[in-house]
């Protein structure tokens, strides 16, 4: 496992996807301004979380999870991120590592974001 990385700053926004509920996004940025990862969530749970290639397993997703919770504590209009039932195997392992309520996992063969052998 590579050494942990510290995210330099977070960028928060509310991207519009034409849905009935508000979507929230955090992007983790390096000191140089490069995107290290992003987390997208709504009141229903995390919709997508991932890191850029080379940033996997270095604490970036966990720092975004913590930042999402910090924002929710400071702003009543922002829901706390919560785990989704639609998790990849890697996502499930990460969710278990950060804690929180884990809804029963939905087993989808085609879940986006997980690397699969070609």
PDB file of N, CA and C in Angstrom:
ATOM      1  N   UNK A   1       0.840  -1.175   0.000  1.00  0.00           N
ATOM      2  CA  UNK A   1       0.000   0.000   0.000  1.00  0.00           C
ATOM      3  C   UNK A   1       0.887   1.241   0.000  1.00  0.00           C
ATOM      4  N   UNK A   2       0.538   2.221  -0.809  1.00  0.00           N
ATOM      5  CA  UNK A   2       1.296   3.469  -0.881  1.00  0.00           C
ATOM      6  C   UNK A   2       1.013   4.323   0.349  1.00  0.00           C
ATOM      7  N   UNK A   3       1.930   5.257   0.658  1.00  0.00           N
ATOM      8  CA  UNK A   3       1.701   6.113   1.825  1.00  0.00           C
ATOM      9  C   UNK A   3       0.468   6.999   1.618  1.00  0.00           C
ATOM     10  N   UNK A   4      -0.223   7.365   2.710  1.00  0.00           N
ATOM     11  CA  UNK A   4      -1.404   8.223   2.592  1.00  0.00           C
ATOM     12  C   UNK A   4      -1.049   9.574   1.989  1.00  0.00           C
ATOM     13  N   UNK A   5      -2.001  10.138   1.288  1.00  0.00           N
ATOM     14  CA  UNK A   5      -1.844  11.468   0.713  1.00  0.00           C
ATOM     15  C   UNK A   5      -2.751  12.438   1.451  1.00  0.00           C
ATOM     16  N   UNK A   6      -2.309  13.651   1.631  1.00  0.00           N
ATOM     17  CA  UNK A   6      -3.171  14.664   2.203  1.00  0.00           C
ATOM     18  C   UNK A   6      -3.748  15.511   1.079  1.00  0.00           C
ATOM     19  N   UNK A   7      -5.058  15.622   1.084  1.00  0.00           N
ATOM     20  CA  UNK A   7      -5.727  16.471   0.116  1.00  0.00           C
ATOM     21  C   UNK A   7      -5.428  17.914   0.497  1.00  0.00           C
ATOM     22  N   UNK A   8      -5.050  18.731  -0.482  1.00  0.00           N
ATOM     23  CA  UNK A   8      -4.716  20.130  -0.212  1.00  0.00           C
ATOM     24  C   UNK A   8      -5.981  20.949   0.049  1.00  0.00           C
ATOM     25  N   UNK A   9      -7.000  20.737  -0.769  1.00  0.00           N
ATOM     26  CA  UNK A   9      -8.264  21.448  -0.575  1.00  0.00           C
ATOM     27  C   UNK A   9      -9.401  20.675  -1.233  1.00  0.00           C
ATOM     28  N   UNK A  10     -10.626  21.072  -0.894  1.00  0.00           N
ATOM     29  CA  UNK A  10     -11.815  20.458  -1.456  1.00  0.00           C
ATOM     30  C   UNK A  10     -12.608  21.512  -2.205  1.00  0.00           C
ATOM     31  N   UNK A  11     -13.209  21.102  -3.304  1.00  0.00           N
ATOM     32  CA  UNK A  11     -14.117  21.978  -4.043  1.00  0.00           C
ATOM     33  C   UNK A  11     -15.503  21.359  -3.924  1.00  0.00           C
ATOM     34  N   UNK A  12     -16.466  22.146  -3.460  1.00  0.00           N
ATOM     35  CA  UNK A  12     -17.846  21.665  -3.284  1.00  0.00           C
ATOM     36  C   UNK A  12     -18.743  22.367  -4.293  1.00  0.00           C
ATOM     37  N   UNK A  13     -19.659  21.623  -4.886  1.00  0.00           N
ATOM     38  CA  UNK A  13     -20.685  22.243  -5.722  1.00  0.00           C
ATOM     39  C   UNK A  13     -21.922  21.349  -5.737  1.00  0.00           C
ATOM     40  N   UNK A  14     -22.969  21.844  -6.401  1.00  0.00           N
ATOM     41  CA  UNK A  14     -24.222  21.108  -6.543  1.00  0.00           C
ATOM     42  C   UNK A  14     -24.522  20.982  -8.031  1.00  0.00           C
ATOM     43  N   UNK A  15     -23.985  19.953  -8.675  1.00  0.00           N
ATOM     44  CA  UNK A  15     -24.235  19.803 -10.116  1.00  0.00           C
ATOM     45  C   UNK A  15     -25.702  19.491 -10.383  1.00  0.00           C
ATOM     46  N   UNK A  16     -26.222  20.027 -11.460  1.00  0.00           N
ATOM     47  CA  UNK A  16     -27.618  19.824 -11.851  1.00  0.00           C
ATOM     48  C   UNK A  16     -27.711  18.663 -12.817  1.00  0.00           C
ATOM     49  N   UNK A  17     -28.446  17.658 -12.462  1.00  0.00           N
ATOM     50  CA  UNK A  17     -28.649  16.520 -13.343  1.00  0.00           C
ATOM     51  C   UNK A  17     -30.116  16.377 -13.735  1.00  0.00           C
ATOM     52  N   UNK A  18     -30.927  17.397 -13.442  1.00  0.00           N
ATOM     53  CA  UNK A  18     -32.336  17.355 -13.803  1.00  0.00           C
ATOM     54  C   UNK A  18     -33.128  16.344 -12.985  1.00  0.00           C
ATOM     55  N   UNK A  19     -32.677  16.069 -11.780  1.00  0.00           N
ATOM     56  CA  UNK A  19     -33.365  15.104 -10.932  1.00  0.00           C
ATOM     57  C   UNK A  19     -34.227  15.843  -9.912  1.00  0.00           C
ATOM     58  N   UNK A  20     -35.107  15.121  -9.262  1.00  0.00           N
ATOM     59  CA  UNK A  20     -36.040  15.718  -8.314  1.00  0.00           C
ATOM     60  C   UNK A  20     -35.377  16.097  -6.992  1.00  0.00           C
ATOM     61  N   UNK A  21     -34.142  15.675  -6.769  1.00  0.00           N
ATOM     62  CA  UNK A  21     -33.465  15.977  -5.515  1.00  0.00           C
ATOM     63  C   UNK A  21     -32.092  16.578  -5.813  1.00  0.00           C
ATOM     64  N   UNK A  22     -31.573  17.302  -4.850  1.00  0.00           N
ATOM     65  CA  UNK A  22     -30.292  17.990  -5.006  1.00  0.00           C
ATOM     66  C   UNK A  22     -29.134  17.003  -4.913  1.00  0.00           C
ATOM     67  N   UNK A  23     -28.192  17.168  -5.803  1.00  0.00           N
ATOM     68  CA  UNK A  23     -26.976  16.362  -5.806  1.00  0.00           C
ATOM     69  C   UNK A  23     -25.833  17.234  -5.299  1.00  0.00           C
ATOM     70  N   UNK A  24     -24.960  16.638  -4.509  1.00  0.00           N
ATOM     71  CA  UNK A  24     -23.809  17.335  -3.939  1.00  0.00           C
ATOM     72  C   UNK A  24     -22.538  16.653  -4.432  1.00  0.00           C
ATOM     73  N   UNK A  25     -21.489  17.471  -4.640  1.00  0.00           N
ATOM     74  CA  UNK A  25     -20.226  16.901  -5.114  1.00  0.00           C
ATOM     75  C   UNK A  25     -19.063  17.571  -4.396  1.00  0.00           C
ATOM     76  N   UNK A  26     -18.104  16.735  -4.029  1.00  0.00           N
ATOM     77  CA  UNK A  26     -16.823  17.211  -3.504  1.00  0.00           C
ATOM     78  C   UNK A  26     -15.751  16.690  -4.441  1.00  0.00           C
ATOM     79  N   UNK A  27     -14.841  17.571  -4.806  1.00  0.00           N
ATOM     80  CA  UNK A  27     -13.647  17.137  -5.535  1.00  0.00           C
ATOM     81  C   UNK A  27     -12.451  17.389  -4.637  1.00  0.00           C
ATOM     82  N   UNK A  28     -11.587  16.388  -4.521  1.00  0.00           N
ATOM     83  CA  UNK A  28     -10.356  16.502  -3.740  1.00  0.00           C
ATOM     84  C   UNK A  28      -9.271  17.017  -4.684  1.00  0.00           C
ATOM     85  N   UNK A  29      -8.587  18.076  -4.273  1.00  0.00           N
ATOM     86  CA  UNK A  29      -7.584  18.710  -5.126  1.00  0.00           C
ATOM     87  C   UNK A  29      -6.202  18.658  -4.492  1.00  0.00           C
ATOM     88  N   UNK A  30      -5.210  18.448  -5.329  1.00  0.00           N
ATOM     89  CA  UNK A  30      -3.817  18.452  -4.877  1.00  0.00           C
ATOM     90  C   UNK A  30      -3.346  19.889  -4.705  1.00  0.00           C
ATOM     91  N   UNK A  31      -2.150  20.041  -4.179  1.00  0.00           N
ATOM     92  CA  UNK A  31      -1.575  21.375  -3.999  1.00  0.00           C
ATOM     93  C   UNK A  31      -1.435  22.101  -5.336  1.00  0.00           C
ATOM     94  N   UNK A  32      -1.209  21.342  -6.413  1.00  0.00           N
ATOM     95  CA  UNK A  32      -1.066  21.926  -7.744  1.00  0.00           C
ATOM     96  C   UNK A  32      -2.424  22.183  -8.414  1.00  0.00           C
ATOM     97  N   UNK A  33      -3.512  21.770  -7.757  1.00  0.00           N
ATOM     98  CA  UNK A  33      -4.854  21.986  -8.308  1.00  0.00           C
ATOM     99  C   UNK A  33      -5.397  20.819  -9.108  1.00  0.00           C
ATOM    100  N   UNK A  34      -4.648  19.726  -9.190  1.00  0.00           N
ATOM    101  CA  UNK A  34      -5.118  18.550  -9.915  1.00  0.00           C
ATOM    102  C   UNK A  34      -6.183  17.806  -9.123  1.00  0.00           C
ATOM    103  N   UNK A  35      -7.131  17.205  -9.822  1.00  0.00           N
ATOM    104  CA  UNK A  35      -8.189  16.449  -9.168  1.00  0.00           C
ATOM    105  C   UNK A  35      -7.648  15.090  -8.733  1.00  0.00           C
ATOM    106  N   UNK A  36      -7.795  14.793  -7.461  1.00  0.00           N
ATOM    107  CA  UNK A  36      -7.349  13.529  -6.890  1.00  0.00           C
ATOM    108  C   UNK A  36      -8.504  12.532  -6.796  1.00  0.00           C
ATOM    109  N   UNK A  37      -9.734  13.044  -6.765  1.00  0.00           N
ATOM    110  CA  UNK A  37     -10.901  12.192  -6.674  1.00  0.00           C
ATOM    111  C   UNK A  37     -12.155  13.018  -6.524  1.00  0.00           C
ATOM    112  N   UNK A  38     -13.310  12.355  -6.571  1.00  0.00           N
ATOM    113  CA  UNK A  38     -14.569  13.064  -6.372  1.00  0.00           C
ATOM    114  C   UNK A  38     -15.584  12.135  -5.722  1.00  0.00           C
ATOM    115  N   UNK A  39     -16.532  12.762  -5.027  1.00  0.00           N
ATOM    116  CA  UNK A  39     -17.634  12.037  -4.390  1.00  0.00           C
ATOM    117  C   UNK A  39     -18.919  12.769  -4.737  1.00  0.00           C
ATOM    118  N   UNK A  40     -19.893  12.025  -5.203  1.00  0.00           N
ATOM    119  CA  UNK A  40     -21.198  12.550  -5.598  1.00  0.00           C
ATOM    120  C   UNK A  40     -22.245  11.874  -4.726  1.00  0.00           C
ATOM    121  N   UNK A  41     -23.105  12.667  -4.058  1.00  0.00           N
ATOM    122  CA  UNK A  41     -24.123  12.082  -3.192  1.00  0.00           C
ATOM    123  C   UNK A  41     -25.376  12.942  -3.145  1.00  0.00           C
ATOM    124  N   UNK A  42     -26.446  12.327  -2.697  1.00  0.00           N
ATOM    125  CA  UNK A  42     -27.713  13.014  -2.465  1.00  0.00           C
ATOM    126  C   UNK A  42     -28.238  12.536  -1.123  1.00  0.00           C
ATOM    127  N   UNK A  43     -29.430  12.946  -0.776  1.00  0.00           N
ATOM    128  CA  UNK A  43     -30.005  12.497   0.499  1.00  0.00           C
ATOM    129  C   UNK A  43     -30.232  10.989   0.502  1.00  0.00           C
ATOM    130  N   UNK A  44     -30.225  10.361  -0.674  1.00  0.00           N
ATOM    131  CA  UNK A  44     -30.430   8.923  -0.783  1.00  0.00           C
ATOM    132  C   UNK A  44     -29.139   8.126  -0.585  1.00  0.00           C
ATOM    133  N   UNK A  45     -27.998   8.769  -0.658  1.00  0.00           N
ATOM    134  CA  UNK A  45     -26.731   8.072  -0.453  1.00  0.00           C
ATOM    135  C   UNK A  45     -25.689   8.454  -1.488  1.00  0.00           C
ATOM    136  N   UNK A  46     -24.522   7.868  -1.356  1.00  0.00           N
ATOM    137  CA  UNK A  46     -23.432   8.118  -2.304  1.00  0.00           C
ATOM    138  C   UNK A  46     -23.816   7.508  -3.642  1.00  0.00           C
ATOM    139  N   UNK A  47     -23.674   8.303  -4.687  1.00  0.00           N
ATOM    140  CA  UNK A  47     -23.980   7.822  -6.033  1.00  0.00           C
ATOM    141  C   UNK A  47     -22.726   7.381  -6.752  1.00  0.00           C
ATOM    142  N   UNK A  48     -21.616   8.019  -6.407  1.00  0.00           N
ATOM    143  CA  UNK A  48     -20.336   7.659  -7.019  1.00  0.00           C
ATOM    144  C   UNK A  48     -19.227   8.231  -6.164  1.00  0.00           C
ATOM    145  N   UNK A  49     -18.197   7.446  -5.960  1.00  0.00           N
ATOM    146  CA  UNK A  49     -16.994   7.937  -5.289  1.00  0.00           C
ATOM    147  C   UNK A  49     -15.818   7.245  -5.954  1.00  0.00           C
ATOM    148  N   UNK A  50     -14.796   8.008  -6.237  1.00  0.00           N
ATOM    149  CA  UNK A  50     -13.643   7.417  -6.885  1.00  0.00           C
ATOM    150  C   UNK A  50     -12.438   8.331  -6.824  1.00  0.00           C
ATOM    151  N   UNK A  51     -11.306   7.741  -7.082  1.00  0.00           N
ATOM    152  CA  UNK A  51     -10.059   8.500  -7.119  1.00  0.00           C
ATOM    153  C   UNK A  51      -9.455   8.371  -8.511  1.00  0.00           C
ATOM    154  N   UNK A  52      -8.617   9.318  -8.851  1.00  0.00           N
ATOM    155  CA  UNK A  52      -7.957   9.270 -10.147  1.00  0.00           C
ATOM    156  C   UNK A  52      -6.917   8.149 -10.127  1.00  0.00           C
ATOM    157  N   UNK A  53      -6.572   7.594 -11.288  1.00  0.00           N
ATOM    158  CA  UNK A  53      -5.560   6.528 -11.335  1.00  0.00           C
ATOM    159  C   UNK A  53      -4.276   6.942 -10.614  1.00  0.00           C
ATOM    160  N   UNK A  54      -3.770   6.036  -9.816  1.00  0.00           N
ATOM    161  CA  UNK A  54      -2.562   6.299  -9.040  1.00  0.00           C
ATOM    162  C   UNK A  54      -2.848   6.816  -7.634  1.00  0.00           C
ATOM    163  N   UNK A  55      -4.102   7.195  -7.368  1.00  0.00           N
ATOM    164  CA  UNK A  55      -4.475   7.715  -6.048  1.00  0.00           C
ATOM    165  C   UNK A  55      -5.236   6.691  -5.220  1.00  0.00           C
ATOM    166  N   UNK A  56      -5.445   5.495  -5.769  1.00  0.00           N
ATOM    167  CA  UNK A  56      -6.212   4.470  -5.081  1.00  0.00           C
ATOM    168  C   UNK A  56      -5.520   4.050  -3.784  1.00  0.00           C
ATOM    169  N   UNK A  57      -6.334   3.730  -2.794  1.00  0.00           N
ATOM    170  CA  UNK A  57      -5.859   3.187  -1.516  1.00  0.00           C
ATOM    171  C   UNK A  57      -4.833   4.085  -0.820  1.00  0.00           C
ATOM    172  N   UNK A  58      -5.050   5.401  -0.946  1.00  0.00           N
ATOM    173  CA  UNK A  58      -4.125   6.341  -0.306  1.00  0.00           C
ATOM    174  C   UNK A  58      -4.863   7.337   0.589  1.00  0.00           C
ATOM    175  N   UNK A  59      -6.116   7.020   0.942  1.00  0.00           N
ATOM    176  CA  UNK A  59      -6.855   7.845   1.900  1.00  0.00           C
ATOM    177  C   UNK A  59      -7.670   8.975   1.311  1.00  0.00           C
ATOM    178  N   UNK A  60      -7.661   9.138  -0.002  1.00  0.00           N
ATOM    179  CA  UNK A  60      -8.371  10.255  -0.636  1.00  0.00           C
ATOM    180  C   UNK A  60      -9.884  10.109  -0.456  1.00  0.00           C
ATOM    181  N   UNK A  61     -10.437   8.927  -0.718  1.00  0.00           N
ATOM    182  CA  UNK A  61     -11.887   8.709  -0.572  1.00  0.00           C
ATOM    183  C   UNK A  61     -12.317   8.932   0.878  1.00  0.00           C
ATOM    184  N   UNK A  62     -11.519   8.468   1.807  1.00  0.00           N
ATOM    185  CA  UNK A  62     -11.850   8.645   3.223  1.00  0.00           C
ATOM    186  C   UNK A  62     -11.856  10.122   3.598  1.00  0.00           C
ATOM    187  N   UNK A  63     -10.914  10.889   3.081  1.00  0.00           N
ATOM    188  CA  UNK A  63     -10.886  12.320   3.361  1.00  0.00           C
ATOM    189  C   UNK A  63     -12.107  13.026   2.760  1.00  0.00           C
ATOM    190  N   UNK A  64     -12.572  12.583   1.575  1.00  0.00           N
ATOM    191  CA  UNK A  64     -13.782  13.174   0.989  1.00  0.00           C
ATOM    192  C   UNK A  64     -15.001  12.828   1.838  1.00  0.00           C
ATOM    193  N   UNK A  65     -15.092  11.579   2.314  1.00  0.00           N
ATOM    194  CA  UNK A  65     -16.175  11.144   3.195  1.00  0.00           C
ATOM    195  C   UNK A  65     -16.212  12.038   4.443  1.00  0.00           C
ATOM    196  N   UNK A  66     -15.052  12.245   5.058  1.00  0.00           N
ATOM    197  CA  UNK A  66     -14.963  13.079   6.263  1.00  0.00           C
ATOM    198  C   UNK A  66     -15.333  14.528   5.964  1.00  0.00           C
ATOM    199  N   UNK A  67     -14.904  15.045   4.825  1.00  0.00           N
ATOM    200  CA  UNK A  67     -15.243  16.420   4.449  1.00  0.00           C
ATOM    201  C   UNK A  67     -16.746  16.558   4.208  1.00  0.00           C
ATOM    202  N   UNK A  68     -17.366  15.570   3.581  1.00  0.00           N
ATOM    203  CA  UNK A  68     -18.812  15.598   3.381  1.00  0.00           C
ATOM    204  C   UNK A  68     -19.557  15.657   4.708  1.00  0.00           C
ATOM    205  N   UNK A  69     -19.088  14.898   5.681  1.00  0.00           N
ATOM    206  CA  UNK A  69     -19.707  14.920   7.009  1.00  0.00           C
ATOM    207  C   UNK A  69     -19.463  16.263   7.700  1.00  0.00           C
ATOM    208  N   UNK A  70     -18.284  16.817   7.532  1.00  0.00           N
ATOM    209  CA  UNK A  70     -17.989  18.129   8.126  1.00  0.00           C
ATOM    210  C   UNK A  70     -18.902  19.195   7.533  1.00  0.00           C
ATOM    211  N   UNK A  71     -19.069  19.189   6.202  1.00  0.00           N
ATOM    212  CA  UNK A  71     -19.960  20.153   5.553  1.00  0.00           C
ATOM    213  C   UNK A  71     -21.396  20.000   6.042  1.00  0.00           C
ATOM    214  N   UNK A  72     -21.857  18.754   6.188  1.00  0.00           N
ATOM    215  CA  UNK A  72     -23.226  18.510   6.641  1.00  0.00           C
ATOM    216  C   UNK A  72     -23.448  19.031   8.063  1.00  0.00           C
ATOM    217  N   UNK A  73     -22.426  18.928   8.900  1.00  0.00           N
ATOM    218  CA  UNK A  73     -22.548  19.445  10.268  1.00  0.00           C
ATOM    219  C   UNK A  73     -22.637  20.965  10.281  1.00  0.00           C
ATOM    220  N   UNK A  74     -22.005  21.617   9.317  1.00  0.00           N
ATOM    221  CA  UNK A  74     -21.987  23.074   9.274  1.00  0.00           C
ATOM    222  C   UNK A  74     -23.164  23.679   8.509  1.00  0.00           C
ATOM    223  N   UNK A  75     -23.766  22.912   7.593  1.00  0.00           N
ATOM    224  CA  UNK A  75     -24.826  23.440   6.730  1.00  0.00           C
ATOM    225  C   UNK A  75     -26.015  22.483   6.734  1.00  0.00           C
ATOM    226  N   UNK A  76     -27.120  22.907   7.297  1.00  0.00           N
ATOM    227  CA  UNK A  76     -28.301  22.049   7.430  1.00  0.00           C
ATOM    228  C   UNK A  76     -28.838  21.576   6.079  1.00  0.00           C
ATOM    229  N   UNK A  77     -28.607  22.316   5.011  1.00  0.00           N
ATOM    230  CA  UNK A  77     -29.142  21.944   3.690  1.00  0.00           C
ATOM    231  C   UNK A  77     -28.340  20.831   3.015  1.00  0.00           C
ATOM    232  N   UNK A  78     -27.177  20.491   3.558  1.00  0.00           N
ATOM    233  CA  UNK A  78     -26.335  19.442   2.979  1.00  0.00           C
ATOM    234  C   UNK A  78     -26.518  18.166   3.796  1.00  0.00           C
ATOM    235  N   UNK A  79     -26.996  17.078   3.165  1.00  0.00           N
ATOM    236  CA  UNK A  79     -27.154  15.825   3.913  1.00  0.00           C
ATOM    237  C   UNK A  79     -25.803  15.148   4.151  1.00  0.00           C
ATOM    238  N   UNK A  80     -25.709  14.421   5.249  1.00  0.00           N
ATOM    239  CA  UNK A  80     -24.497  13.639   5.492  1.00  0.00           C
ATOM    240  C   UNK A  80     -24.406  12.549   4.436  1.00  0.00           C
ATOM    241  N   UNK A  81     -23.227  12.321   3.895  1.00  0.00           N
ATOM    242  CA  UNK A  81     -23.076  11.184   2.979  1.00  0.00           C
ATOM    243  C   UNK A  81     -23.395   9.894   3.723  1.00  0.00           C
ATOM    244  N   UNK A  82     -24.074   8.998   3.045  1.00  0.00           N
ATOM    245  CA  UNK A  82     -24.322   7.677   3.611  1.00  0.00           C
ATOM    246  C   UNK A  82     -24.084   6.653   2.517  1.00  0.00           C
ATOM    247  N   UNK A  83     -23.782   5.451   2.942  1.00  0.00           N
ATOM    248  CA  UNK A  83     -23.433   4.399   1.995  1.00  0.00           C
ATOM    249  C   UNK A  83     -24.636   3.965   1.176  1.00  0.00           C
ATOM    250  N   UNK A  84     -24.375   3.614  -0.049  1.00  0.00           N
ATOM    251  CA  UNK A  84     -25.382   3.106  -0.962  1.00  0.00           C
ATOM    252  C   UNK A  84     -25.410   1.586  -0.890  1.00  0.00           C
ATOM    253  N   UNK A  85     -26.536   1.003  -1.257  1.00  0.00           N
ATOM    254  CA  UNK A  85     -26.617  -0.455  -1.354  1.00  0.00           C
ATOM    255  C   UNK A  85     -25.908  -0.945  -2.610  1.00  0.00           C
ATOM    256  N   UNK A  86     -25.755  -0.085  -3.598  1.00  0.00           N
ATOM    257  CA  UNK A  86     -25.119  -0.433  -4.867  1.00  0.00           C
ATOM    258  C   UNK A  86     -23.627  -0.137  -4.756  1.00  0.00           C
ATOM    259  N   UNK A  87     -22.880  -1.121  -4.227  1.00  0.00           N
ATOM    260  CA  UNK A  87     -21.444  -0.944  -4.007  1.00  0.00           C
ATOM    261  C   UNK A  87     -20.672  -2.023  -4.747  1.00  0.00           C
ATOM    262  N   UNK A  88     -19.557  -1.639  -5.312  1.00  0.00           N
ATOM    263  CA  UNK A  88     -18.647  -2.613  -5.894  1.00  0.00           C
ATOM    264  C   UNK A  88     -17.955  -3.356  -4.747  1.00  0.00           C
ATOM    265  N   UNK A  89     -17.200  -4.393  -5.050  1.00  0.00           N
ATOM    266  CA  UNK A  89     -16.460  -5.113  -4.009  1.00  0.00           C
ATOM    267  C   UNK A  89     -15.457  -4.182  -3.334  1.00  0.00           C
ATOM    268  N   UNK A  90     -14.747  -3.373  -4.125  1.00  0.00           N
ATOM    269  CA  UNK A  90     -13.796  -2.419  -3.542  1.00  0.00           C
ATOM    270  C   UNK A  90     -14.534  -1.373  -2.727  1.00  0.00           C
ATOM    271  N   UNK A  91     -15.686  -0.916  -3.229  1.00  0.00           N
ATOM    272  CA  UNK A  91     -16.488   0.072  -2.512  1.00  0.00           C
ATOM    273  C   UNK A  91     -17.021  -0.481  -1.201  1.00  0.00           C
ATOM    274  N   UNK A  92     -17.378  -1.743  -1.190  1.00  0.00           N
ATOM    275  CA  UNK A  92     -17.877  -2.367   0.027  1.00  0.00           C
ATOM    276  C   UNK A  92     -16.763  -2.446   1.073  1.00  0.00           C
ATOM    277  N   UNK A  93     -15.573  -2.821   0.651  1.00  0.00           N
ATOM    278  CA  UNK A  93     -14.433  -2.896   1.581  1.00  0.00           C
ATOM    279  C   UNK A  93     -14.138  -1.514   2.159  1.00  0.00           C
ATOM    280  N   UNK A  94     -14.174  -0.486   1.305  1.00  0.00           N
ATOM    281  CA  UNK A  94     -13.924   0.879   1.780  1.00  0.00           C
ATOM    282  C   UNK A  94     -15.020   1.302   2.751  1.00  0.00           C
ATOM    283  N   UNK A  95     -16.293   1.052   2.400  1.00  0.00           N
ATOM    284  CA  UNK A  95     -17.405   1.447   3.263  1.00  0.00           C
ATOM    285  C   UNK A  95     -17.270   0.803   4.642  1.00  0.00           C
ATOM    286  N   UNK A  96     -16.881  -0.442   4.678  1.00  0.00           N
ATOM    287  CA  UNK A  96     -16.693  -1.122   5.960  1.00  0.00           C
ATOM    288  C   UNK A  96     -15.547  -0.483   6.755  1.00  0.00           C
ATOM    289  N   UNK A  97     -14.526   0.003   6.053  1.00  0.00           N
ATOM    290  CA  UNK A  97     -13.375   0.589   6.747  1.00  0.00           C
ATOM    291  C   UNK A  97     -13.694   1.939   7.376  1.00  0.00           C
ATOM    292  N   UNK A  98     -14.604   2.727   6.765  1.00  0.00           N
ATOM    293  CA  UNK A  98     -14.919   4.043   7.322  1.00  0.00           C
ATOM    294  C   UNK A  98     -16.094   3.999   8.283  1.00  0.00           C
ATOM    295  N   UNK A  99     -16.820   2.884   8.303  1.00  0.00           N
ATOM    296  CA  UNK A  99     -17.936   2.738   9.234  1.00  0.00           C
ATOM    297  C   UNK A  99     -19.209   3.383   8.728  1.00  0.00           C
ATOM    298  N   UNK A 100     -20.174   3.455   9.593  1.00  0.00           N
ATOM    299  CA  UNK A 100     -21.492   3.957   9.229  1.00  0.00           C
ATOM    300  C   UNK A 100     -22.413   2.798   8.890  1.00  0.00           C
ATOM    301  N   UNK A 101     -23.688   3.092   8.760  1.00  0.00           N
ATOM    302  CA  UNK A 101     -24.680   2.062   8.451  1.00  0.00           C
ATOM    303  C   UNK A 101     -24.474   1.567   7.032  1.00  0.00           C
ATOM    304  N   UNK A 102     -24.404   0.268   6.856  1.00  0.00           N
ATOM    305  CA  UNK A 102     -24.228  -0.326   5.540  1.00  0.00           C
ATOM    306  C   UNK A 102     -25.521  -1.014   5.115  1.00  0.00           C
ATOM    307  N   UNK A 103     -26.241  -0.437   4.151  1.00  0.00           N
ATOM    308  CA  UNK A 103     -27.422  -1.136   3.657  1.00  0.00           C
ATOM    309  C   UNK A 103     -27.007  -2.436   2.973  1.00  0.00           C
ATOM    310  N   UNK A 104     -27.917  -3.405   2.946  1.00  0.00           N
ATOM    311  CA  UNK A 104     -27.621  -4.676   2.288  1.00  0.00           C
ATOM    312  C   UNK A 104     -27.131  -4.400   0.874  1.00  0.00           C
ATOM    313  N   UNK A 105     -26.019  -5.005   0.531  1.00  0.00           N
ATOM    314  CA  UNK A 105     -25.371  -4.752  -0.761  1.00  0.00           C
ATOM    315  C   UNK A 105     -26.156  -5.383  -1.904  1.00  0.00           C
ATOM    316  N   UNK A 106     -26.376  -4.603  -2.954  1.00  0.00           N
ATOM    317  CA  UNK A 106     -26.999  -5.083  -4.180  1.00  0.00           C
ATOM    318  C   UNK A 106     -25.887  -5.658  -5.043  1.00  0.00           C
ATOM    319  N   UNK A 107     -26.051  -6.859  -5.515  1.00  0.00           N
ATOM    320  CA  UNK A 107     -25.018  -7.499  -6.348  1.00  0.00           C
ATOM    321  C   UNK A 107     -25.317  -7.207  -7.817  1.00  0.00           C
ATOM    322  N   UNK A 108     -24.585  -6.269  -8.380  1.00  0.00           N
ATOM    323  CA  UNK A 108     -24.721  -5.932  -9.798  1.00  0.00           C
ATOM    324  C   UNK A 108     -23.451  -6.311 -10.524  1.00  0.00           C
ATOM    325  N   UNK A 109     -23.585  -7.052 -11.585  1.00  0.00           N
ATOM    326  CA  UNK A 109     -22.404  -7.453 -12.356  1.00  0.00           C
ATOM    327  C   UNK A 109     -21.798  -6.278 -13.095  1.00  0.00           C
ATOM    328  N   UNK A 110     -22.601  -5.299 -13.474  1.00  0.00           N
ATOM    329  CA  UNK A 110     -22.112  -4.213 -14.307  1.00  0.00           C
ATOM    330  C   UNK A 110     -21.960  -2.892 -13.598  1.00  0.00           C
ATOM    331  N   UNK A 111     -21.727  -2.884 -12.291  1.00  0.00           N
ATOM    332  CA  UNK A 111     -21.579  -1.631 -11.578  1.00  0.00           C
ATOM    333  C   UNK A 111     -20.389  -0.853 -12.127  1.00  0.00           C
ATOM    334  N   UNK A 112     -20.615   0.415 -12.404  1.00  0.00           N
ATOM    335  CA  UNK A 112     -19.549   1.249 -12.971  1.00  0.00           C
ATOM    336  C   UNK A 112     -18.478   1.532 -11.939  1.00  0.00           C
ATOM    337  N   UNK A 113     -17.292   1.763 -12.409  1.00  0.00           N
ATOM    338  CA  UNK A 113     -16.221   2.242 -11.558  1.00  0.00           C
ATOM    339  C   UNK A 113     -15.277   1.186 -11.026  1.00  0.00           C
ATOM    340  N   UNK A 114     -15.645  -0.075 -11.116  1.00  0.00           N
ATOM    341  CA  UNK A 114     -14.744  -1.111 -10.607  1.00  0.00           C
ATOM    342  C   UNK A 114     -13.964  -1.728 -11.757  1.00  0.00           C
ATOM    343  N   UNK A 115     -12.685  -1.843 -11.550  1.00  0.00           N
ATOM    344  CA  UNK A 115     -11.848  -2.458 -12.573  1.00  0.00           C
ATOM    345  C   UNK A 115     -12.142  -3.946 -12.645  1.00  0.00           C
ATOM    346  N   UNK A 116     -12.300  -4.425 -13.852  1.00  0.00           N
ATOM    347  CA  UNK A 116     -12.547  -5.843 -14.068  1.00  0.00           C
ATOM    348  C   UNK A 116     -11.558  -6.357 -15.097  1.00  0.00           C
ATOM    349  N   UNK A 117     -11.188  -7.629 -15.033  1.00  0.00           N
ATOM    350  CA  UNK A 117     -10.272  -8.169 -16.026  1.00  0.00           C
ATOM    351  C   UNK A 117     -10.869  -8.063 -17.424  1.00  0.00           C
ATOM    352  N   UNK A 118     -10.021  -7.809 -18.397  1.00  0.00           N
ATOM    353  CA  UNK A 118     -10.489  -7.655 -19.783  1.00  0.00           C
ATOM    354  C   UNK A 118     -10.834  -9.001 -20.387  1.00  0.00           C
TER     355      UNK A 118
END
